[in-house]
Amino acid sequence: MVNKTTAENSKKWLIGLVIVIIAFGTFVYKDIINSRQNNVLGNKQEVQPAAKYISYQGQDDKTVFELLRKNHNVKFTKSDLGVFITSIDGLENTEKNFWLYYIDGKAGEKAADNFQTKNNQKIEWKYESLPY
């Protein structure tokens, strides 16, 4: 027969073990989430995973495309007209959604690799949806 002190100690030990397991599980879960975010972001700028908006400042003699690639994971295709962005930080274009850049609030009229920026211009990338 188990005495009362041994049963109480076993109960306390079991409760302590459960608390440790919960704390450890919480730590591991947070670490996994942070690791996934870092893999998606590559620790670059202030963009969150699957962000639909990116903003940065222009620099003399740098293209919109150069500056974008400097801090983001970018996929693109090339044509005679220039590059066409197909994905930024893992957020891919679809049949109805696509990346579009703006310079000081106006939509870009050239391919991103053909537009030379100037210091302090505001460059924005927006993940746009077709209206239909």
C-alpha atoms as a PDB file:
ATOM      1  CA  MET A   1       0.000   0.000   0.000  1.00  0.00           C
ATOM      2  CA  VAL A   2       1.274   3.445  -0.962  1.00  0.00           C
ATOM      3  CA  ASN A   3       1.453   5.911   1.870  1.00  0.00           C
ATOM      4  CA  LYS A   4      -0.135   9.351   1.673  1.00  0.00           C
ATOM      5  CA  THR A   5       3.206  11.258   1.353  1.00  0.00           C
ATOM      6  CA  THR A   6       4.369   9.142  -1.583  1.00  0.00           C
ATOM      7  CA  ALA A   7       1.041   9.656  -3.381  1.00  0.00           C
ATOM      8  CA  GLU A   8       1.201  13.421  -2.815  1.00  0.00           C
ATOM      9  CA  ASN A   9       4.813  13.565  -4.064  1.00  0.00           C
ATOM     10  CA  SER A  10       3.875  11.544  -7.143  1.00  0.00           C
ATOM     11  CA  LYS A  11       0.964  13.877  -7.824  1.00  0.00           C
ATOM     12  CA  LYS A  12       3.184  16.975  -7.466  1.00  0.00           C
ATOM     13  CA  TRP A  13       5.823  15.391  -9.696  1.00  0.00           C
ATOM     14  CA  LEU A  14       3.208  14.583 -12.332  1.00  0.00           C
ATOM     15  CA  ILE A  15       1.774  18.131 -12.246  1.00  0.00           C
ATOM     16  CA  GLY A  16       5.301  19.563 -12.565  1.00  0.00           C
ATOM     17  CA  LEU A  17       6.006  17.287 -15.517  1.00  0.00           C
ATOM     18  CA  VAL A  18       2.808  18.382 -17.263  1.00  0.00           C
ATOM     19  CA  ILE A  19       3.746  22.058 -16.757  1.00  0.00           C
ATOM     20  CA  VAL A  20       7.229  21.456 -18.179  1.00  0.00           C
ATOM     21  CA  ILE A  21       5.790  19.634 -21.214  1.00  0.00           C
ATOM     22  CA  ILE A  22       3.311  22.450 -21.887  1.00  0.00           C
ATOM     23  CA  ALA A  23       6.032  25.112 -21.536  1.00  0.00           C
ATOM     24  CA  PHE A  24       8.380  23.167 -23.802  1.00  0.00           C
ATOM     25  CA  GLY A  25       5.616  22.625 -26.372  1.00  0.00           C
ATOM     26  CA  THR A  26       4.846  26.336 -26.415  1.00  0.00           C
ATOM     27  CA  PHE A  27       8.527  27.174 -26.930  1.00  0.00           C
ATOM     28  CA  VAL A  28       8.894  24.635 -29.754  1.00  0.00           C
ATOM     29  CA  TYR A  29       5.701  25.860 -31.430  1.00  0.00           C
ATOM     30  CA  LYS A  30       6.891  29.493 -31.380  1.00  0.00           C
ATOM     31  CA  ASP A  31      10.290  28.433 -32.713  1.00  0.00           C
ATOM     32  CA  ILE A  32       8.671  26.530 -35.596  1.00  0.00           C
ATOM     33  CA  ILE A  33       6.475  29.513 -36.501  1.00  0.00           C
ATOM     34  CA  ASN A  34       9.469  31.899 -36.401  1.00  0.00           C
ATOM     35  CA  SER A  35      11.533  29.491 -38.485  1.00  0.00           C
ATOM     36  CA  ARG A  36       8.809  29.287 -41.142  1.00  0.00           C
ATOM     37  CA  GLN A  37       8.539  33.067 -41.269  1.00  0.00           C
ATOM     38  CA  ASN A  38      12.310  33.450 -41.631  1.00  0.00           C
ATOM     39  CA  ASN A  39      12.372  30.869 -44.421  1.00  0.00           C
ATOM     40  CA  VAL A  40       9.644  32.717 -46.292  1.00  0.00           C
ATOM     41  CA  LEU A  41      11.164  36.129 -45.673  1.00  0.00           C
ATOM     42  CA  GLY A  42      14.819  35.296 -45.741  1.00  0.00           C
ATOM     43  CA  ASN A  43      15.096  37.879 -42.917  1.00  0.00           C
ATOM     44  CA  LYS A  44      14.548  40.710 -45.379  1.00  0.00           C
ATOM     45  CA  GLN A  45      13.039  44.147 -44.767  1.00  0.00           C
ATOM     46  CA  GLU A  46       9.763  44.491 -42.961  1.00  0.00           C
ATOM     47  CA  VAL A  47       7.574  42.277 -45.126  1.00  0.00           C
ATOM     48  CA  GLN A  48       5.426  39.661 -43.391  1.00  0.00           C
ATOM     49  CA  PRO A  49       4.816  36.278 -44.990  1.00  0.00           C
ATOM     50  CA  ALA A  50       2.363  36.595 -47.856  1.00  0.00           C
ATOM     51  CA  ALA A  51       2.425  40.401 -47.567  1.00  0.00           C
ATOM     52  CA  LYS A  52       0.510  42.112 -50.328  1.00  0.00           C
ATOM     53  CA  TYR A  53       2.333  45.427 -50.042  1.00  0.00           C
ATOM     54  CA  ILE A  54       6.012  46.411 -50.129  1.00  0.00           C
ATOM     55  CA  SER A  55       7.479  49.897 -49.958  1.00  0.00           C
ATOM     56  CA  TYR A  56      11.027  51.238 -50.248  1.00  0.00           C
ATOM     57  CA  GLN A  57      12.912  54.356 -51.322  1.00  0.00           C
ATOM     58  CA  GLY A  58      14.440  54.846 -54.760  1.00  0.00           C
ATOM     59  CA  GLN A  59      18.169  55.372 -55.245  1.00  0.00           C
ATOM     60  CA  ASP A  60      19.913  57.234 -58.041  1.00  0.00           C
ATOM     61  CA  ASP A  61      21.033  54.944 -60.874  1.00  0.00           C
ATOM     62  CA  LYS A  62      19.212  51.869 -59.497  1.00  0.00           C
ATOM     63  CA  THR A  63      16.221  50.256 -61.166  1.00  0.00           C
ATOM     64  CA  VAL A  64      12.990  49.338 -59.417  1.00  0.00           C
ATOM     65  CA  PHE A  65      13.930  45.711 -60.087  1.00  0.00           C
ATOM     66  CA  GLU A  66      17.473  45.970 -58.641  1.00  0.00           C
ATOM     67  CA  LEU A  67      16.191  47.488 -55.424  1.00  0.00           C
ATOM     68  CA  LEU A  68      13.404  44.933 -55.102  1.00  0.00           C
ATOM     69  CA  ARG A  69      15.813  41.999 -55.537  1.00  0.00           C
ATOM     70  CA  LYS A  70      18.230  43.495 -53.017  1.00  0.00           C
ATOM     71  CA  ASN A  71      15.839  42.787 -50.128  1.00  0.00           C
ATOM     72  CA  HIS A  72      13.293  40.273 -51.388  1.00  0.00           C
ATOM     73  CA  ASN A  73      13.044  36.824 -52.899  1.00  0.00           C
ATOM     74  CA  VAL A  74      11.838  37.561 -56.440  1.00  0.00           C
ATOM     75  CA  LYS A  75      10.811  35.279 -59.291  1.00  0.00           C
ATOM     76  CA  PHE A  76      10.417  36.746 -62.764  1.00  0.00           C
ATOM     77  CA  THR A  77      10.356  36.078 -66.481  1.00  0.00           C
ATOM     78  CA  LYS A  78      12.214  38.050 -69.149  1.00  0.00           C
ATOM     79  CA  SER A  79      10.984  39.268 -72.503  1.00  0.00           C
ATOM     80  CA  ASP A  80      12.031  41.873 -75.072  1.00  0.00           C
ATOM     81  CA  LEU A  81      10.070  44.421 -73.027  1.00  0.00           C
ATOM     82  CA  GLY A  82      11.905  43.614 -69.787  1.00  0.00           C
ATOM     83  CA  VAL A  83      11.227  41.555 -66.685  1.00  0.00           C
ATOM     84  CA  PHE A  84       7.787  40.525 -65.493  1.00  0.00           C
ATOM     85  CA  ILE A  85       7.557  39.814 -61.756  1.00  0.00           C
ATOM     86  CA  THR A  86       5.820  36.498 -61.066  1.00  0.00           C
ATOM     87  CA  SER A  87       6.412  36.175 -57.308  1.00  0.00           C
ATOM     88  CA  ILE A  88       7.677  38.238 -54.386  1.00  0.00           C
ATOM     89  CA  ASP A  89       8.617  36.537 -51.124  1.00  0.00           C
ATOM     90  CA  GLY A  90       6.659  33.448 -52.103  1.00  0.00           C
ATOM     91  CA  LEU A  91       3.412  35.215 -53.042  1.00  0.00           C
ATOM     92  CA  GLU A  92       2.824  34.080 -56.635  1.00  0.00           C
ATOM     93  CA  ASN A  93       0.798  35.735 -59.375  1.00  0.00           C
ATOM     94  CA  THR A  94      -2.422  33.913 -60.220  1.00  0.00           C
ATOM     95  CA  GLU A  95      -4.996  34.247 -62.986  1.00  0.00           C
ATOM     96  CA  LYS A  96      -6.677  37.049 -61.023  1.00  0.00           C
ATOM     97  CA  ASN A  97      -3.880  38.463 -58.820  1.00  0.00           C
ATOM     98  CA  PHE A  98      -0.561  40.003 -59.769  1.00  0.00           C
ATOM     99  CA  TRP A  99       2.226  42.293 -58.553  1.00  0.00           C
ATOM    100  CA  LEU A 100       2.235  45.881 -59.823  1.00  0.00           C
ATOM    101  CA  TYR A 101       4.669  48.648 -58.897  1.00  0.00           C
ATOM    102  CA  TYR A 102       4.019  52.333 -58.318  1.00  0.00           C
ATOM    103  CA  ILE A 103       6.378  55.317 -58.305  1.00  0.00           C
ATOM    104  CA  ASP A 104       5.230  58.140 -56.043  1.00  0.00           C
ATOM    105  CA  GLY A 105       1.668  56.815 -56.257  1.00  0.00           C
ATOM    106  CA  LYS A 106       1.538  56.345 -60.054  1.00  0.00           C
ATOM    107  CA  ALA A 107       1.516  52.921 -61.696  1.00  0.00           C
ATOM    108  CA  GLY A 108       4.774  52.006 -63.429  1.00  0.00           C
ATOM    109  CA  GLU A 109       4.654  52.350 -67.200  1.00  0.00           C
ATOM    110  CA  LYS A 110       7.816  50.351 -67.953  1.00  0.00           C
ATOM    111  CA  ALA A 111       9.135  46.972 -66.938  1.00  0.00           C
ATOM    112  CA  ALA A 112      10.709  47.144 -63.475  1.00  0.00           C
ATOM    113  CA  ASP A 113      14.219  46.613 -64.865  1.00  0.00           C
ATOM    114  CA  ASN A 114      13.782  49.539 -67.305  1.00  0.00           C
ATOM    115  CA  PHE A 115      12.776  52.187 -64.761  1.00  0.00           C
ATOM    116  CA  GLN A 116      15.685  54.074 -63.170  1.00  0.00           C
ATOM    117  CA  THR A 117      14.750  55.422 -59.752  1.00  0.00           C
ATOM    118  CA  LYS A 118      15.878  58.622 -58.091  1.00  0.00           C
ATOM    119  CA  ASN A 119      16.801  59.214 -54.472  1.00  0.00           C
ATOM    120  CA  ASN A 120      13.782  59.447 -52.183  1.00  0.00           C
ATOM    121  CA  GLN A 121      11.195  58.343 -54.738  1.00  0.00           C
ATOM    122  CA  LYS A 122       8.620  56.131 -53.064  1.00  0.00           C
ATOM    123  CA  ILE A 123       8.455  52.725 -54.720  1.00  0.00           C
ATOM    124  CA  GLU A 124       5.507  50.528 -53.812  1.00  0.00           C
ATOM    125  CA  TRP A 125       4.621  47.019 -54.902  1.00  0.00           C
ATOM    126  CA  LYS A 126       0.990  46.011 -54.518  1.00  0.00           C
ATOM    127  CA  TYR A 127      -0.551  42.608 -54.989  1.00  0.00           C
ATOM    128  CA  GLU A 128      -3.552  43.633 -57.072  1.00  0.00           C
ATOM    129  CA  SER A 129      -6.730  41.757 -57.972  1.00  0.00           C
ATOM    130  CA  LEU A 130      -8.612  41.940 -61.243  1.00  0.00           C
ATOM    131  CA  PRO A 131     -12.028  43.557 -60.767  1.00  0.00           C
ATOM    132  CA  TYR A 132     -13.914  40.554 -62.166  1.00  0.00           C
END
